[in-house]
């Protein structure tokens, strides 16, 4: 199974959880330092516009939040995107 058979939304959610070291040290919500959408797109094999689309959707659904300096807070609820759907 190639990574392209997994929908972009799930690949992005999984990558954000990995970058946030989700599940380590018992932290429920973790802040990721600034990372560009282009870098995320390269990491998951898609375009920056698709990453932007799903990042906006994740933010509107409350799965992520942006903070000062463009740091990204990943909420544990993002795991639902990976596990369900």
N, C-alpha and C. Protein backbone atom coordinates (compact mmCIF):
# COMPACT_ATOMS: atom_id res chain seq x y z
N UNK A 1 0.85 -1.18 0.00
CA UNK A 1 0.00 0.00 0.00
C UNK A 1 0.89 1.24 0.00
N UNK A 2 0.70 2.12 -0.94
CA UNK A 2 1.48 3.35 -1.00
C UNK A 2 0.83 4.42 -0.15
N UNK A 3 1.62 5.44 0.17
CA UNK A 3 1.07 6.52 0.98
C UNK A 3 -0.03 7.28 0.24
N UNK A 4 -0.03 7.19 -1.11
CA UNK A 4 -1.05 7.91 -1.87
C UNK A 4 -2.42 7.25 -1.79
N UNK A 5 -2.50 6.01 -1.33
CA UNK A 5 -3.80 5.38 -1.18
C UNK A 5 -4.50 5.86 0.09
N UNK A 6 -3.76 6.49 0.98
CA UNK A 6 -4.33 7.07 2.20
C UNK A 6 -4.70 8.51 1.88
N UNK A 7 -5.93 8.94 2.16
CA UNK A 7 -6.36 10.30 1.83
C UNK A 7 -5.43 11.37 2.43
N UNK A 8 -5.31 12.48 1.73
CA UNK A 8 -4.46 13.59 2.15
C UNK A 8 -4.81 14.03 3.57
N UNK A 9 -6.10 14.12 3.87
CA UNK A 9 -6.54 14.56 5.20
C UNK A 9 -5.94 13.69 6.29
N UNK A 10 -5.95 12.39 6.10
CA UNK A 10 -5.41 11.48 7.11
C UNK A 10 -3.89 11.56 7.17
N UNK A 11 -3.24 11.70 6.00
CA UNK A 11 -1.77 11.81 6.00
C UNK A 11 -1.33 13.07 6.72
N UNK A 12 -2.04 14.18 6.50
CA UNK A 12 -1.71 15.44 7.16
C UNK A 12 -1.95 15.33 8.67
N UNK A 13 -3.07 14.80 9.06
CA UNK A 13 -3.38 14.65 10.49
C UNK A 13 -2.32 13.78 11.17
N UNK A 14 -1.96 12.69 10.53
CA UNK A 14 -0.94 11.79 11.10
C UNK A 14 0.40 12.51 11.23
N UNK A 15 0.79 13.27 10.21
CA UNK A 15 2.06 13.99 10.26
C UNK A 15 2.07 15.03 11.37
N UNK A 16 0.97 15.76 11.54
CA UNK A 16 0.90 16.75 12.60
C UNK A 16 1.01 16.08 13.97
N UNK A 17 0.35 14.95 14.13
CA UNK A 17 0.44 14.22 15.40
C UNK A 17 1.86 13.71 15.64
N UNK A 18 2.52 13.24 14.59
CA UNK A 18 3.91 12.79 14.73
C UNK A 18 4.84 13.94 15.09
N UNK A 19 4.67 15.08 14.41
CA UNK A 19 5.49 16.25 14.71
C UNK A 19 5.27 16.76 16.13
N UNK A 20 4.05 16.59 16.62
CA UNK A 20 3.71 17.02 17.98
C UNK A 20 4.12 15.99 19.02
N UNK A 21 4.70 14.87 18.56
CA UNK A 21 5.07 13.77 19.46
C UNK A 21 3.87 13.35 20.30
N UNK A 22 2.72 13.26 19.65
CA UNK A 22 1.48 12.93 20.34
C UNK A 22 1.63 11.59 21.07
N UNK A 23 1.17 11.56 22.30
CA UNK A 23 1.23 10.34 23.09
C UNK A 23 2.48 10.20 23.91
N UNK A 24 3.46 11.06 23.69
CA UNK A 24 4.70 11.03 24.47
C UNK A 24 4.52 11.87 25.72
N UNK A 25 5.09 11.44 26.80
CA UNK A 25 5.12 12.20 28.05
C UNK A 25 3.73 12.56 28.58
N UNK A 26 2.70 11.87 28.12
CA UNK A 26 1.36 12.11 28.62
C UNK A 26 0.77 13.45 28.27
N UNK A 27 1.36 14.16 27.30
CA UNK A 27 0.84 15.47 26.91
C UNK A 27 -0.37 15.30 25.99
N UNK A 28 -1.45 15.97 26.33
CA UNK A 28 -2.67 15.87 25.53
C UNK A 28 -2.65 16.85 24.36
N UNK A 29 -2.02 17.99 24.54
CA UNK A 29 -1.97 19.01 23.50
C UNK A 29 -0.55 19.55 23.44
N UNK A 30 -0.01 19.62 22.24
CA UNK A 30 1.38 19.98 22.06
C UNK A 30 1.50 21.09 21.04
N UNK A 31 2.46 21.97 21.22
CA UNK A 31 2.71 23.06 20.28
C UNK A 31 3.89 22.68 19.39
N UNK A 32 3.69 22.81 18.08
CA UNK A 32 4.73 22.56 17.10
C UNK A 32 5.32 23.91 16.70
N UNK A 33 6.65 24.02 16.69
CA UNK A 33 7.24 25.28 16.20
C UNK A 33 6.83 25.54 14.75
N UNK A 34 7.04 26.75 14.30
CA UNK A 34 6.64 27.16 12.95
C UNK A 34 7.16 26.19 11.90
N UNK A 35 6.27 25.74 11.03
CA UNK A 35 6.61 24.89 9.90
C UNK A 35 5.77 25.36 8.71
N UNK A 36 6.39 25.44 7.55
CA UNK A 36 5.66 25.97 6.40
C UNK A 36 4.72 24.92 5.81
N UNK A 37 3.69 25.41 5.16
CA UNK A 37 2.76 24.50 4.48
C UNK A 37 3.45 23.81 3.32
N UNK A 38 4.44 24.46 2.70
CA UNK A 38 5.19 23.82 1.63
C UNK A 38 5.96 22.61 2.16
N UNK A 39 6.56 22.77 3.34
CA UNK A 39 7.30 21.67 3.95
C UNK A 39 6.35 20.52 4.29
N UNK A 40 5.21 20.84 4.87
CA UNK A 40 4.23 19.80 5.18
C UNK A 40 3.78 19.09 3.91
N UNK A 41 3.55 19.85 2.85
CA UNK A 41 3.12 19.27 1.58
C UNK A 41 4.15 18.29 1.04
N UNK A 42 5.43 18.67 1.11
CA UNK A 42 6.50 17.77 0.66
C UNK A 42 6.56 16.52 1.52
N UNK A 43 6.34 16.67 2.81
CA UNK A 43 6.43 15.54 3.73
C UNK A 43 5.34 14.51 3.48
N UNK A 44 4.15 14.96 3.05
CA UNK A 44 3.05 14.01 2.86
C UNK A 44 2.72 13.75 1.39
N UNK A 45 3.46 14.38 0.49
CA UNK A 45 3.29 14.11 -0.93
C UNK A 45 2.05 14.70 -1.56
N UNK A 46 1.83 16.00 -1.30
CA UNK A 46 0.69 16.68 -1.90
C UNK A 46 1.07 18.13 -2.19
N UNK A 47 0.11 18.94 -2.55
CA UNK A 47 0.37 20.35 -2.85
C UNK A 47 0.16 21.23 -1.62
N UNK A 48 0.76 22.42 -1.65
CA UNK A 48 0.58 23.36 -0.56
C UNK A 48 -0.88 23.79 -0.46
N UNK A 49 -1.56 23.91 -1.59
CA UNK A 49 -2.97 24.33 -1.55
C UNK A 49 -3.84 23.29 -0.85
N UNK A 50 -3.55 22.01 -1.04
CA UNK A 50 -4.32 20.96 -0.34
C UNK A 50 -4.04 21.01 1.17
N UNK A 51 -2.77 21.24 1.53
CA UNK A 51 -2.42 21.37 2.94
C UNK A 51 -3.15 22.56 3.54
N UNK A 52 -3.15 23.68 2.84
CA UNK A 52 -3.84 24.88 3.31
C UNK A 52 -5.33 24.61 3.52
N UNK A 53 -5.95 23.92 2.56
CA UNK A 53 -7.37 23.60 2.66
C UNK A 53 -7.66 22.80 3.93
N UNK A 54 -6.89 21.74 4.17
CA UNK A 54 -7.16 20.90 5.33
C UNK A 54 -6.72 21.54 6.64
N UNK A 55 -5.68 22.37 6.63
CA UNK A 55 -5.28 23.08 7.85
C UNK A 55 -6.41 24.04 8.26
N UNK A 56 -7.00 24.73 7.30
CA UNK A 56 -8.13 25.61 7.61
C UNK A 56 -9.32 24.82 8.14
N UNK A 57 -9.57 23.67 7.54
CA UNK A 57 -10.68 22.82 8.02
C UNK A 57 -10.39 22.33 9.44
N UNK A 58 -9.17 21.86 9.70
CA UNK A 58 -8.80 21.40 11.04
C UNK A 58 -8.96 22.52 12.06
N UNK A 59 -8.56 23.75 11.68
CA UNK A 59 -8.68 24.89 12.59
C UNK A 59 -10.14 25.19 12.88
N UNK A 60 -10.98 25.21 11.86
CA UNK A 60 -12.40 25.50 12.04
C UNK A 60 -13.10 24.45 12.89
N UNK A 61 -12.63 23.20 12.81
CA UNK A 61 -13.21 22.12 13.61
C UNK A 61 -12.63 22.04 15.02
N UNK A 62 -11.64 22.89 15.31
CA UNK A 62 -11.06 22.93 16.64
C UNK A 62 -9.99 21.89 16.91
N UNK A 63 -9.45 21.27 15.86
CA UNK A 63 -8.40 20.27 16.03
C UNK A 63 -7.02 20.89 16.22
N UNK A 64 -6.84 22.11 15.68
CA UNK A 64 -5.57 22.82 15.81
C UNK A 64 -5.85 24.29 16.07
N UNK A 65 -4.85 24.98 16.63
CA UNK A 65 -4.92 26.43 16.85
C UNK A 65 -3.57 27.02 16.50
N UNK A 66 -3.59 28.24 15.95
CA UNK A 66 -2.36 28.97 15.70
C UNK A 66 -2.10 29.90 16.87
N UNK A 67 -0.82 30.06 17.23
CA UNK A 67 -0.43 30.94 18.33
C UNK A 67 0.59 31.95 17.84
N UNK A 68 0.98 32.86 18.70
CA UNK A 68 1.97 33.89 18.36
C UNK A 68 3.20 33.25 17.75
N UNK A 69 3.72 33.87 16.72
CA UNK A 69 4.90 33.35 16.05
C UNK A 69 4.57 32.19 15.13
N UNK A 70 3.30 32.01 14.84
CA UNK A 70 2.82 30.94 13.96
C UNK A 70 3.07 29.54 14.50
N UNK A 71 3.28 29.41 15.81
CA UNK A 71 3.37 28.07 16.40
C UNK A 71 2.00 27.42 16.28
N UNK A 72 1.99 26.13 16.20
CA UNK A 72 0.76 25.38 15.97
C UNK A 72 0.46 24.48 17.15
N UNK A 73 -0.71 24.63 17.74
CA UNK A 73 -1.13 23.77 18.84
C UNK A 73 -1.99 22.65 18.26
N UNK A 74 -1.58 21.42 18.53
CA UNK A 74 -2.30 20.24 18.04
C UNK A 74 -3.09 19.66 19.21
N UNK A 75 -4.40 19.57 19.05
CA UNK A 75 -5.26 19.02 20.09
C UNK A 75 -5.39 17.51 19.91
N UNK A 76 -5.56 16.82 20.98
CA UNK A 76 -5.68 15.36 20.93
C UNK A 76 -6.86 14.90 20.08
N UNK A 77 -7.85 15.77 19.91
CA UNK A 77 -9.02 15.43 19.10
C UNK A 77 -8.66 15.18 17.63
N UNK A 78 -7.49 15.66 17.17
CA UNK A 78 -7.06 15.42 15.80
C UNK A 78 -6.87 13.93 15.54
N UNK A 79 -6.62 13.18 16.58
CA UNK A 79 -6.47 11.72 16.43
C UNK A 79 -7.73 11.10 15.83
N UNK A 80 -8.88 11.69 16.07
CA UNK A 80 -10.14 11.17 15.50
C UNK A 80 -10.12 11.17 13.98
N UNK A 81 -9.42 12.12 13.36
CA UNK A 81 -9.33 12.17 11.91
C UNK A 81 -8.59 10.95 11.40
N UNK A 82 -7.57 10.52 12.11
CA UNK A 82 -6.77 9.37 11.70
C UNK A 82 -7.53 8.07 11.95
N UNK A 83 -8.21 7.99 13.07
CA UNK A 83 -8.87 6.74 13.46
C UNK A 83 -10.21 6.51 12.79
N UNK A 84 -10.91 7.57 12.48
CA UNK A 84 -12.25 7.46 11.91
C UNK A 84 -12.32 8.14 10.56
N UNK A 85 -13.40 7.93 9.86
CA UNK A 85 -13.68 8.61 8.59
C UNK A 85 -13.59 7.68 7.43
